[in-house]
Amino acid sequence: MSNKNKTLGEFIIENQTEFKYSSGELSRLINSIRLAAKVVNHEVNKAGLVDILGTAGETNVQGEDQQKLDVYANDVFIKTLINREIVCGIASEEEDDFITIVGRNEKNDNKYIVLMDPLDGSSNIDVNVSVGTIFSIYRRITPEGTPVTIDDFLQPGNKQVAAGYIVYGTSTMIVYSTGHGVNGFTLNPAIGTYYLSHPNMQFPENGSIYSVNEGNYVHFPQGVKDYIKYCQKEEEDRPYTSRYIGSLVSDFHRNMIKEAYTCTQTPLRIQTENYVYYMSATQWPILLNNLEVKPVMGIQEY
């Protein structure tokens, strides 16, 4: 079967042996994310036709106004994850604290932790701009049979077992990795199936685009300011082109496809083989203040 015709379900089954804890649970967890994404995609695409635009009247833990679709997406993902009996804890940007899941047997024996932003950039829906979901998956470190604790959620990025995002736009895509490359799957809305459309996605060594909200420039650390000036300087292969959508998923996805750099105030980590890519402005001052060479995506090897 060619990659073009391979479905997400088939890809998960074929590659689940690459995961060292191969027992089918992670595959079921990815499948639950796939299902929730289809439900959220349907609601996002009819947002202008129903009363689900605008704010919900609350703020999230980041101090941002919650949108109605934020709340909807959060509920969908939480319910879908809980129903699969795999997850023992969930941390969401839309929740004040992490959620402990005891399971139907109330034995606290589920193994996985999910951290997520259910609908990143949701305020852009009002103006018909792409939004997305961000997710990260870990195995619990507390003993099975006990409730999860904050330590389960505060593990380093190189302990992730899977991470990725979903883009809801002109087409809907799931992009994820379990540590053996990054692959993208595009939804065929006519039959509700995701197909492998972008196999083995990789960042290039060099880019020509940068993305940052320069309205916050005065608040950036000096290292980030220096890097932005570096991008704008007419020298060698520069200046780089500035493209900023205002949704981390959209900017990240554009720049991975278009060979570019992303500067965002929120860390996003995607593990690919031996690397964790840090998409965070907080990492760059360290690199810029200690190295004479140009940083490339803030890559750290483990």
C-alpha atoms as a PDB file:
ATOM      1  CA  MET A   1       0.000   0.000   0.000  1.00  0.00           C
ATOM      2  CA  SER A   2       1.360   3.436  -0.936  1.00  0.00           C
ATOM      3  CA  ASN A   3       1.775   6.109   1.719  1.00  0.00           C
ATOM      4  CA  LYS A   4      -0.822   8.193  -0.107  1.00  0.00           C
ATOM      5  CA  ASN A   5      -3.537   5.601   0.549  1.00  0.00           C
ATOM      6  CA  LYS A   6      -2.510   4.642   4.083  1.00  0.00           C
ATOM      7  CA  THR A   7      -4.968   5.637   6.808  1.00  0.00           C
ATOM      8  CA  LEU A   8      -4.033   6.849  10.277  1.00  0.00           C
ATOM      9  CA  GLY A   9      -5.495   3.684  11.794  1.00  0.00           C
ATOM     10  CA  GLU A  10      -3.398   1.474   9.526  1.00  0.00           C
ATOM     11  CA  PHE A  11      -0.288   3.542  10.233  1.00  0.00           C
ATOM     12  CA  ILE A  12      -0.784   3.226  13.997  1.00  0.00           C
ATOM     13  CA  ILE A  13      -1.163  -0.572  13.786  1.00  0.00           C
ATOM     14  CA  GLU A  14       1.876  -0.972  11.507  1.00  0.00           C
ATOM     15  CA  ASN A  15       4.135   1.151  13.696  1.00  0.00           C
ATOM     16  CA  GLN A  16       3.010   0.340  17.236  1.00  0.00           C
ATOM     17  CA  THR A  17       5.912  -2.126  17.700  1.00  0.00           C
ATOM     18  CA  GLU A  18       8.346   0.837  17.540  1.00  0.00           C
ATOM     19  CA  PHE A  19       7.011   1.902  20.927  1.00  0.00           C
ATOM     20  CA  LYS A  20       8.854   0.084  23.705  1.00  0.00           C
ATOM     21  CA  TYR A  21       5.707  -0.305  25.845  1.00  0.00           C
ATOM     22  CA  SER A  22       3.795  -1.810  22.946  1.00  0.00           C
ATOM     23  CA  SER A  23       0.537  -3.133  24.381  1.00  0.00           C
ATOM     24  CA  GLY A  24      -2.018  -1.365  22.209  1.00  0.00           C
ATOM     25  CA  GLU A  25      -2.874   1.267  24.833  1.00  0.00           C
ATOM     26  CA  LEU A  26      -0.939   4.118  23.201  1.00  0.00           C
ATOM     27  CA  SER A  27      -2.555   3.238  19.869  1.00  0.00           C
ATOM     28  CA  ARG A  28      -5.983   3.462  21.495  1.00  0.00           C
ATOM     29  CA  LEU A  29      -5.011   6.791  23.041  1.00  0.00           C
ATOM     30  CA  ILE A  30      -3.966   8.233  19.662  1.00  0.00           C
ATOM     31  CA  ASN A  31      -7.221   6.909  18.236  1.00  0.00           C
ATOM     32  CA  SER A  32      -9.209   8.731  20.929  1.00  0.00           C
ATOM     33  CA  ILE A  33      -7.448  11.981  19.982  1.00  0.00           C
ATOM     34  CA  ARG A  34      -8.291  11.265  16.350  1.00  0.00           C
ATOM     35  CA  LEU A  35     -11.973  10.833  17.223  1.00  0.00           C
ATOM     36  CA  ALA A  36     -12.123  14.006  19.354  1.00  0.00           C
ATOM     37  CA  ALA A  37     -10.413  15.968  16.578  1.00  0.00           C
ATOM     38  CA  LYS A  38     -13.110  14.940  14.086  1.00  0.00           C
ATOM     39  CA  VAL A  39     -15.851  16.120  16.438  1.00  0.00           C
ATOM     40  CA  VAL A  40     -14.128  19.447  17.115  1.00  0.00           C
ATOM     41  CA  ASN A  41     -13.388  19.895  13.398  1.00  0.00           C
ATOM     42  CA  HIS A  42     -17.089  19.525  12.607  1.00  0.00           C
ATOM     43  CA  GLU A  43     -18.006  22.198  15.156  1.00  0.00           C
ATOM     44  CA  VAL A  44     -15.243  24.587  14.063  1.00  0.00           C
ATOM     45  CA  ASN A  45     -16.335  24.364  10.438  1.00  0.00           C
ATOM     46  CA  LYS A  46     -19.927  25.349  11.228  1.00  0.00           C
ATOM     47  CA  ALA A  47     -18.994  28.008  13.825  1.00  0.00           C
ATOM     48  CA  GLY A  48     -20.342  30.859  11.725  1.00  0.00           C
ATOM     49  CA  LEU A  49     -23.730  29.136  11.400  1.00  0.00           C
ATOM     50  CA  VAL A  50     -24.463  28.430  15.056  1.00  0.00           C
ATOM     51  CA  ASP A  51     -24.216  30.352  18.315  1.00  0.00           C
ATOM     52  CA  ILE A  52     -20.773  29.156  19.304  1.00  0.00           C
ATOM     53  CA  LEU A  53     -18.690  32.219  18.427  1.00  0.00           C
ATOM     54  CA  GLY A  54     -17.497  34.780  20.959  1.00  0.00           C
ATOM     55  CA  THR A  55     -16.424  34.588  24.596  1.00  0.00           C
ATOM     56  CA  ALA A  56     -17.860  32.263  27.227  1.00  0.00           C
ATOM     57  CA  GLY A  57     -17.552  34.856  29.994  1.00  0.00           C
ATOM     58  CA  GLU A  58     -14.683  33.146  31.857  1.00  0.00           C
ATOM     59  CA  THR A  59     -10.870  33.307  31.785  1.00  0.00           C
ATOM     60  CA  ASN A  60      -8.429  30.389  31.680  1.00  0.00           C
ATOM     61  CA  VAL A  61      -5.298  29.770  33.759  1.00  0.00           C
ATOM     62  CA  GLN A  62      -3.293  31.986  31.395  1.00  0.00           C
ATOM     63  CA  GLY A  63      -5.625  34.909  32.072  1.00  0.00           C
ATOM     64  CA  GLU A  64      -7.086  34.742  28.564  1.00  0.00           C
ATOM     65  CA  ASP A  65     -10.810  35.114  27.821  1.00  0.00           C
ATOM     66  CA  GLN A  66     -12.296  31.691  27.203  1.00  0.00           C
ATOM     67  CA  GLN A  67     -14.113  31.364  23.906  1.00  0.00           C
ATOM     68  CA  LYS A  68     -17.230  29.221  23.601  1.00  0.00           C
ATOM     69  CA  LEU A  69     -15.330  26.868  21.337  1.00  0.00           C
ATOM     70  CA  ASP A  70     -12.521  26.602  23.924  1.00  0.00           C
ATOM     71  CA  VAL A  71     -15.023  25.200  26.410  1.00  0.00           C
ATOM     72  CA  TYR A  72     -16.617  22.921  23.811  1.00  0.00           C
ATOM     73  CA  ALA A  73     -13.295  21.498  22.595  1.00  0.00           C
ATOM     74  CA  ASN A  74     -12.101  21.016  26.162  1.00  0.00           C
ATOM     75  CA  ASP A  75     -15.224  19.020  27.051  1.00  0.00           C
ATOM     76  CA  VAL A  76     -14.970  16.874  23.910  1.00  0.00           C
ATOM     77  CA  PHE A  77     -11.331  15.933  24.412  1.00  0.00           C
ATOM     78  CA  ILE A  78     -11.727  15.240  28.137  1.00  0.00           C
ATOM     79  CA  LYS A  79     -14.804  13.032  27.669  1.00  0.00           C
ATOM     80  CA  THR A  80     -13.237  11.133  24.760  1.00  0.00           C
ATOM     81  CA  LEU A  81      -9.985  10.514  26.634  1.00  0.00           C
ATOM     82  CA  ILE A  82     -11.760   9.386  29.801  1.00  0.00           C
ATOM     83  CA  ASN A  83     -14.060   6.986  27.935  1.00  0.00           C
ATOM     84  CA  ARG A  84     -11.121   4.976  26.540  1.00  0.00           C
ATOM     85  CA  GLU A  85      -9.968   3.918  30.037  1.00  0.00           C
ATOM     86  CA  ILE A  86      -6.288   4.596  29.269  1.00  0.00           C
ATOM     87  CA  VAL A  87      -5.638   8.011  30.815  1.00  0.00           C
ATOM     88  CA  CYS A  88      -5.064   8.520  34.538  1.00  0.00           C
ATOM     89  CA  GLY A  89      -4.651  12.298  34.395  1.00  0.00           C
ATOM     90  CA  ILE A  90      -5.311  15.269  32.127  1.00  0.00           C
ATOM     91  CA  ALA A  91      -3.923  18.806  32.263  1.00  0.00           C
ATOM     92  CA  SER A  92      -5.671  21.362  30.078  1.00  0.00           C
ATOM     93  CA  GLU A  93      -5.136  25.068  29.526  1.00  0.00           C
ATOM     94  CA  GLU A  94      -8.850  25.474  30.156  1.00  0.00           C
ATOM     95  CA  GLU A  95      -8.749  23.868  33.619  1.00  0.00           C
ATOM     96  CA  ASP A  96      -7.477  25.488  36.843  1.00  0.00           C
ATOM     97  CA  ASP A  97      -5.908  22.222  38.022  1.00  0.00           C
ATOM     98  CA  PHE A  98      -5.081  18.810  36.598  1.00  0.00           C
ATOM     99  CA  ILE A  99      -7.831  16.207  36.409  1.00  0.00           C
ATOM    100  CA  THR A 100      -7.409  12.888  38.224  1.00  0.00           C
ATOM    101  CA  ILE A 101      -9.098   9.909  36.568  1.00  0.00           C
ATOM    102  CA  VAL A 102      -9.628   6.898  38.815  1.00  0.00           C
ATOM    103  CA  GLY A 103     -11.113   4.702  36.062  1.00  0.00           C
ATOM    104  CA  ARG A 104     -14.325   2.727  36.000  1.00  0.00           C
ATOM    105  CA  ASN A 105     -12.953   0.191  38.459  1.00  0.00           C
ATOM    106  CA  GLU A 106     -11.749   3.066  40.692  1.00  0.00           C
ATOM    107  CA  LYS A 107      -8.313   1.420  41.023  1.00  0.00           C
ATOM    108  CA  ASN A 108      -6.224   4.253  39.533  1.00  0.00           C
ATOM    109  CA  ASP A 109      -4.452   1.756  37.276  1.00  0.00           C
ATOM    110  CA  ASN A 110      -4.479   3.661  33.955  1.00  0.00           C
ATOM    111  CA  LYS A 111      -0.991   4.492  32.708  1.00  0.00           C
ATOM    112  CA  TYR A 112      -0.953   7.675  30.625  1.00  0.00           C
ATOM    113  CA  ILE A 113      -0.927  11.422  31.218  1.00  0.00           C
ATOM    114  CA  VAL A 114      -2.204  13.872  28.587  1.00  0.00           C
ATOM    115  CA  LEU A 115      -1.400  17.593  28.579  1.00  0.00           C
ATOM    116  CA  MET A 116      -3.216  19.742  26.047  1.00  0.00           C
ATOM    117  CA  ASP A 117      -4.419  23.041  24.749  1.00  0.00           C
ATOM    118  CA  PRO A 118      -7.782  21.900  23.321  1.00  0.00           C
ATOM    119  CA  LEU A 119      -8.180  24.847  20.955  1.00  0.00           C
ATOM    120  CA  ASP A 120      -5.147  27.062  20.502  1.00  0.00           C
ATOM    121  CA  GLY A 121      -5.849  30.440  18.879  1.00  0.00           C
ATOM    122  CA  SER A 122      -9.618  30.104  19.287  1.00  0.00           C
ATOM    123  CA  SER A 123     -10.172  33.870  19.173  1.00  0.00           C
ATOM    124  CA  ASN A 124      -9.153  33.650  15.496  1.00  0.00           C
ATOM    125  CA  ILE A 125     -12.301  31.660  14.690  1.00  0.00           C
ATOM    126  CA  ASP A 126     -14.335  34.885  14.731  1.00  0.00           C
ATOM    127  CA  VAL A 127     -12.325  36.033  11.700  1.00  0.00           C
ATOM    128  CA  ASN A 128     -12.135  32.606  10.005  1.00  0.00           C
ATOM    129  CA  VAL A 129      -8.424  31.944  10.661  1.00  0.00           C
ATOM    130  CA  SER A 130      -6.974  28.475  11.261  1.00  0.00           C
ATOM    131  CA  VAL A 131      -6.782  27.165  14.842  1.00  0.00           C
ATOM    132  CA  GLY A 132      -5.533  23.947  16.371  1.00  0.00           C
ATOM    133  CA  THR A 133      -5.097  21.497  19.239  1.00  0.00           C
ATOM    134  CA  ILE A 134      -1.759  20.776  20.962  1.00  0.00           C
ATOM    135  CA  PHE A 135      -1.166  17.569  22.905  1.00  0.00           C
ATOM    136  CA  SER A 136       1.631  15.819  24.780  1.00  0.00           C
ATOM    137  CA  ILE A 137       1.563  12.285  26.207  1.00  0.00           C
ATOM    138  CA  TYR A 138       3.616  10.796  29.059  1.00  0.00           C
ATOM    139  CA  ARG A 139       3.599   7.558  31.021  1.00  0.00           C
ATOM    140  CA  ARG A 140       2.834   8.147  34.677  1.00  0.00           C
ATOM    141  CA  ILE A 141       5.768   7.989  37.123  1.00  0.00           C
ATOM    142  CA  THR A 142       3.720   7.477  40.297  1.00  0.00           C
ATOM    143  CA  PRO A 143       2.849   3.863  41.174  1.00  0.00           C
ATOM    144  CA  GLU A 144      -0.204   2.322  39.539  1.00  0.00           C
ATOM    145  CA  GLY A 145      -3.049   2.017  42.014  1.00  0.00           C
ATOM    146  CA  THR A 146      -2.457   5.493  43.452  1.00  0.00           C
ATOM    147  CA  PRO A 147      -3.897   8.847  42.312  1.00  0.00           C
ATOM    148  CA  VAL A 148      -1.698  10.911  39.999  1.00  0.00           C
ATOM    149  CA  THR A 149       0.274  13.837  41.424  1.00  0.00           C
ATOM    150  CA  ILE A 150       1.754  17.036  40.009  1.00  0.00           C
ATOM    151  CA  ASP A 151       5.042  15.162  39.439  1.00  0.00           C
ATOM    152  CA  ASP A 152       3.374  13.085  36.726  1.00  0.00           C
ATOM    153  CA  PHE A 153       2.685  16.265  34.766  1.00  0.00           C
ATOM    154  CA  LEU A 154       6.034  18.017  35.270  1.00  0.00           C
ATOM    155  CA  GLN A 155       8.283  15.527  33.476  1.00  0.00           C
ATOM    156  CA  PRO A 156      10.994  16.760  31.073  1.00  0.00           C
ATOM    157  CA  GLY A 157      10.321  16.837  27.334  1.00  0.00           C
ATOM    158  CA  ASN A 158      12.614  13.895  26.564  1.00  0.00           C
ATOM    159  CA  LYS A 159      10.289  11.662  28.634  1.00  0.00           C
ATOM    160  CA  GLN A 160       7.371  12.175  26.242  1.00  0.00           C
ATOM    161  CA  VAL A 161       6.044   9.058  24.547  1.00  0.00           C
ATOM    162  CA  ALA A 162       4.133  11.054  21.940  1.00  0.00           C
ATOM    163  CA  ALA A 163       3.384  14.662  21.064  1.00  0.00           C
ATOM    164  CA  GLY A 164       1.716  16.548  18.269  1.00  0.00           C
ATOM    165  CA  TYR A 165      -0.942  18.938  17.112  1.00  0.00           C
ATOM    166  CA  ILE A 166      -4.080  19.157  15.002  1.00  0.00           C
ATOM    167  CA  VAL A 167      -4.673  21.978  12.510  1.00  0.00           C
ATOM    168  CA  TYR A 168      -8.282  22.942  11.722  1.00  0.00           C
ATOM    169  CA  GLY A 169      -8.089  24.961   8.506  1.00  0.00           C
ATOM    170  CA  THR A 170      -8.768  24.623   4.783  1.00  0.00           C
ATOM    171  CA  SER A 171      -7.945  20.993   5.493  1.00  0.00           C
ATOM    172  CA  THR A 172      -7.704  19.325   8.894  1.00  0.00           C
ATOM    173  CA  MET A 173      -4.436  17.586   9.755  1.00  0.00           C
ATOM    174  CA  ILE A 174      -3.061  15.551  12.646  1.00  0.00           C
ATOM    175  CA  VAL A 175       0.725  15.806  12.944  1.00  0.00           C
ATOM    176  CA  TYR A 176       2.383  13.675  15.627  1.00  0.00           C
ATOM    177  CA  SER A 177       5.465  11.707  16.646  1.00  0.00           C
ATOM    178  CA  THR A 178       6.175   8.794  18.973  1.00  0.00           C
ATOM    179  CA  GLY A 179       9.923   9.374  18.719  1.00  0.00           C
ATOM    180  CA  HIS A 180      10.422   7.759  15.299  1.00  0.00           C
ATOM    181  CA  GLY A 181       9.903  10.632  12.908  1.00  0.00           C
ATOM    182  CA  VAL A 182       7.026  13.075  12.446  1.00  0.00           C
ATOM    183  CA  ASN A 183       4.095  12.253  10.160  1.00  0.00           C
ATOM    184  CA  GLY A 184       1.069  14.263   9.038  1.00  0.00           C
ATOM    185  CA  PHE A 185      -2.407  12.910   8.272  1.00  0.00           C
ATOM    186  CA  THR A 186      -5.097  14.860   6.402  1.00  0.00           C
ATOM    187  CA  LEU A 187      -8.806  14.314   7.035  1.00  0.00           C
ATOM    188  CA  ASN A 188     -11.027  13.374   4.118  1.00  0.00           C
ATOM    189  CA  PRO A 189     -14.295  14.911   5.400  1.00  0.00           C
ATOM    190  CA  ALA A 190     -16.409  12.970   2.915  1.00  0.00           C
ATOM    191  CA  ILE A 191     -15.711   9.659   4.662  1.00  0.00           C
ATOM    192  CA  GLY A 192     -14.257  10.870   7.986  1.00  0.00           C
ATOM    193  CA  THR A 193     -10.877   9.171   7.522  1.00  0.00           C
ATOM    194  CA  TYR A 194      -7.362  10.562   8.012  1.00  0.00           C
ATOM    195  CA  TYR A 195      -4.806   9.644   5.318  1.00  0.00           C
ATOM    196  CA  LEU A 196      -1.015   9.837   5.512  1.00  0.00           C
ATOM    197  CA  SER A 197      -0.329  12.941   3.422  1.00  0.00           C
ATOM    198  CA  HIS A 198       2.988  14.202   4.836  1.00  0.00           C
ATOM    199  CA  PRO A 199       5.312  11.276   5.710  1.00  0.00           C
ATOM    200  CA  ASN A 200       8.595  11.839   7.559  1.00  0.00           C
ATOM    201  CA  MET A 201       8.233  15.603   8.072  1.00  0.00           C
ATOM    202  CA  GLN A 202      11.514  17.336   8.989  1.00  0.00           C
ATOM    203  CA  PHE A 203      12.728  20.809   9.796  1.00  0.00           C
ATOM    204  CA  PRO A 204      15.418  22.022   7.370  1.00  0.00           C
ATOM    205  CA  GLU A 205      18.798  23.171   8.658  1.00  0.00           C
ATOM    206  CA  ASN A 206      18.092  26.700   7.464  1.00  0.00           C
ATOM    207  CA  GLY A 207      14.933  28.737   6.986  1.00  0.00           C
ATOM    208  CA  SER A 208      13.819  32.008   5.448  1.00  0.00           C
ATOM    209  CA  ILE A 209      10.752  32.962   7.524  1.00  0.00           C
ATOM    210  CA  TYR A 210      10.339  33.940  11.175  1.00  0.00           C
ATOM    211  CA  SER A 211       7.144  34.266  13.222  1.00  0.00           C
ATOM    212  CA  VAL A 212       6.791  36.412  16.337  1.00  0.00           C
ATOM    213  CA  ASN A 213       4.334  38.889  17.808  1.00  0.00           C
ATOM    214  CA  GLU A 214       6.542  41.976  17.516  1.00  0.00           C
ATOM    215  CA  GLY A 215       3.912  43.983  19.374  1.00  0.00           C
ATOM    216  CA  ASN A 216       5.503  42.507  22.518  1.00  0.00           C
ATOM    217  CA  TYR A 217       9.029  43.465  21.445  1.00  0.00           C
ATOM    218  CA  VAL A 218       9.639  45.845  24.361  1.00  0.00           C
ATOM    219  CA  HIS A 219       9.042  42.983  26.808  1.00  0.00           C
ATOM    220  CA  PHE A 220      11.379  40.464  25.114  1.00  0.00           C
ATOM    221  CA  PRO A 221      14.696  39.489  26.747  1.00  0.00           C
ATOM    222  CA  GLN A 222      17.704  41.077  25.076  1.00  0.00           C
ATOM    223  CA  GLY A 223      18.722  37.801  23.440  1.00  0.00           C
ATOM    224  CA  VAL A 224      15.387  37.542  21.620  1.00  0.00           C
ATOM    225  CA  LYS A 225      15.595  41.197  20.525  1.00  0.00           C
ATOM    226  CA  ASP A 226      19.073  40.549  19.135  1.00  0.00           C
ATOM    227  CA  TYR A 227      17.841  37.512  17.245  1.00  0.00           C
ATOM    228  CA  ILE A 228      14.935  39.432  15.673  1.00  0.00           C
ATOM    229  CA  LYS A 229      17.372  42.125  14.529  1.00  0.00           C
ATOM    230  CA  TYR A 230      19.549  39.355  13.117  1.00  0.00           C
ATOM    231  CA  CYS A 231      16.561  38.083  11.080  1.00  0.00           C
ATOM    232  CA  GLN A 232      15.891  41.579   9.738  1.00  0.00           C
ATOM    233  CA  LYS A 233      19.455  42.445   8.799  1.00  0.00           C
ATOM    234  CA  GLU A 234      20.351  42.691   5.079  1.00  0.00           C
ATOM    235  CA  GLU A 235      23.289  40.306   5.107  1.00  0.00           C
ATOM    236  CA  GLU A 236      24.083  36.912   3.547  1.00  0.00           C
ATOM    237  CA  ASP A 237      20.714  35.162   2.980  1.00  0.00           C
ATOM    238  CA  ARG A 238      18.759  37.715   5.014  1.00  0.00           C
ATOM    239  CA  PRO A 239      16.505  39.521   5.762  1.00  0.00           C
ATOM    240  CA  TYR A 240      14.067  36.752   6.536  1.00  0.00           C
ATOM    241  CA  THR A 241      10.384  37.157   5.772  1.00  0.00           C
ATOM    242  CA  SER A 242       8.094  37.843   8.744  1.00  0.00           C
ATOM    243  CA  ARG A 243       4.849  35.829   8.832  1.00  0.00           C
ATOM    244  CA  TYR A 244       2.701  35.799  11.970  1.00  0.00           C
ATOM    245  CA  ILE A 245      -0.784  34.258  12.148  1.00  0.00           C
ATOM    246  CA  GLY A 246      -1.318  34.528  15.907  1.00  0.00           C
ATOM    247  CA  SER A 247      -2.123  30.846  16.485  1.00  0.00           C
ATOM    248  CA  LEU A 248       0.854  28.773  17.642  1.00  0.00           C
ATOM    249  CA  VAL A 249      -0.312  25.656  15.794  1.00  0.00           C
ATOM    250  CA  SER A 250      -0.860  27.582  12.563  1.00  0.00           C
ATOM    251  CA  ASP A 251       2.481  29.389  12.778  1.00  0.00           C
ATOM    252  CA  PHE A 252       4.364  26.241  13.769  1.00  0.00           C
ATOM    253  CA  HIS A 253       2.749  24.222  10.963  1.00  0.00           C
ATOM    254  CA  ARG A 254       3.364  26.899   8.332  1.00  0.00           C
ATOM    255  CA  ASN A 255       6.989  27.216   9.319  1.00  0.00           C
ATOM    256  CA  MET A 256       7.640  23.484   9.369  1.00  0.00           C
ATOM    257  CA  ILE A 257       6.175  23.228   5.863  1.00  0.00           C
ATOM    258  CA  LYS A 258       7.761  26.463   4.583  1.00  0.00           C
ATOM    259  CA  GLU A 259      11.256  25.987   6.081  1.00  0.00           C
ATOM    260  CA  ALA A 260      11.342  28.611   8.785  1.00  0.00           C
ATOM    261  CA  TYR A 261      11.853  29.637  12.422  1.00  0.00           C
ATOM    262  CA  THR A 262       9.125  30.105  15.008  1.00  0.00           C
ATOM    263  CA  CYS A 263       9.396  32.381  18.036  1.00  0.00           C
ATOM    264  CA  THR A 264       6.577  31.971  20.521  1.00  0.00           C
ATOM    265  CA  GLN A 265       6.092  32.812  24.163  1.00  0.00           C
ATOM    266  CA  THR A 266       4.766  29.303  24.880  1.00  0.00           C
ATOM    267  CA  PRO A 267       7.019  26.211  24.738  1.00  0.00           C
ATOM    268  CA  LEU A 268       5.990  23.518  22.271  1.00  0.00           C
ATOM    269  CA  ARG A 269       8.052  20.341  22.233  1.00  0.00           C
ATOM    270  CA  ILE A 270       7.860  17.646  19.594  1.00  0.00           C
ATOM    271  CA  GLN A 271      10.164  14.673  20.048  1.00  0.00           C
ATOM    272  CA  THR A 272      11.650  13.297  16.821  1.00  0.00           C
ATOM    273  CA  GLU A 273      14.122  10.441  17.169  1.00  0.00           C
ATOM    274  CA  ASN A 274      17.038  11.909  19.190  1.00  0.00           C
ATOM    275  CA  TYR A 275      15.884  15.509  19.282  1.00  0.00           C
ATOM    276  CA  VAL A 276      13.419  17.660  21.110  1.00  0.00           C
ATOM    277  CA  TYR A 277      12.607  20.883  19.264  1.00  0.00           C
ATOM    278  CA  TYR A 278      12.078  23.785  21.663  1.00  0.00           C
ATOM    279  CA  MET A 279       9.794  26.397  20.148  1.00  0.00           C
ATOM    280  CA  SER A 280      10.253  28.879  22.962  1.00  0.00           C
ATOM    281  CA  ALA A 281      11.580  32.403  23.179  1.00  0.00           C
ATOM    282  CA  THR A 282      12.737  31.614  26.711  1.00  0.00           C
ATOM    283  CA  GLN A 283      15.386  29.237  25.342  1.00  0.00           C
ATOM    284  CA  TRP A 284      16.898  31.624  22.820  1.00  0.00           C
ATOM    285  CA  PRO A 285      18.524  34.161  25.180  1.00  0.00           C
ATOM    286  CA  ILE A 286      20.573  31.301  26.634  1.00  0.00           C
ATOM    287  CA  LEU A 287      21.794  30.332  23.190  1.00  0.00           C
ATOM    288  CA  LEU A 288      22.380  33.863  21.995  1.00  0.00           C
ATOM    289  CA  ASN A 289      24.232  35.049  25.065  1.00  0.00           C
ATOM    290  CA  ASN A 290      26.617  32.091  25.141  1.00  0.00           C
ATOM    291  CA  LEU A 291      27.238  31.198  21.509  1.00  0.00           C
ATOM    292  CA  GLU A 292      28.765  33.073  18.613  1.00  0.00           C
ATOM    293  CA  VAL A 293      26.917  31.008  16.040  1.00  0.00           C
ATOM    294  CA  LYS A 294      23.376  31.333  14.781  1.00  0.00           C
ATOM    295  CA  PRO A 295      20.895  29.144  16.725  1.00  0.00           C
ATOM    296  CA  VAL A 296      18.896  26.737  14.577  1.00  0.00           C
ATOM    297  CA  MET A 297      15.443  26.103  16.089  1.00  0.00           C
ATOM    298  CA  GLY A 298      16.913  25.844  19.602  1.00  0.00           C
ATOM    299  CA  ILE A 299      17.719  22.161  19.091  1.00  0.00           C
ATOM    300  CA  GLN A 300      18.974  20.213  22.083  1.00  0.00           C
ATOM    301  CA  GLU A 301      20.297  16.668  21.688  1.00  0.00           C
ATOM    302  CA  TYR A 302      19.779  13.968  24.302  1.00  0.00           C
END
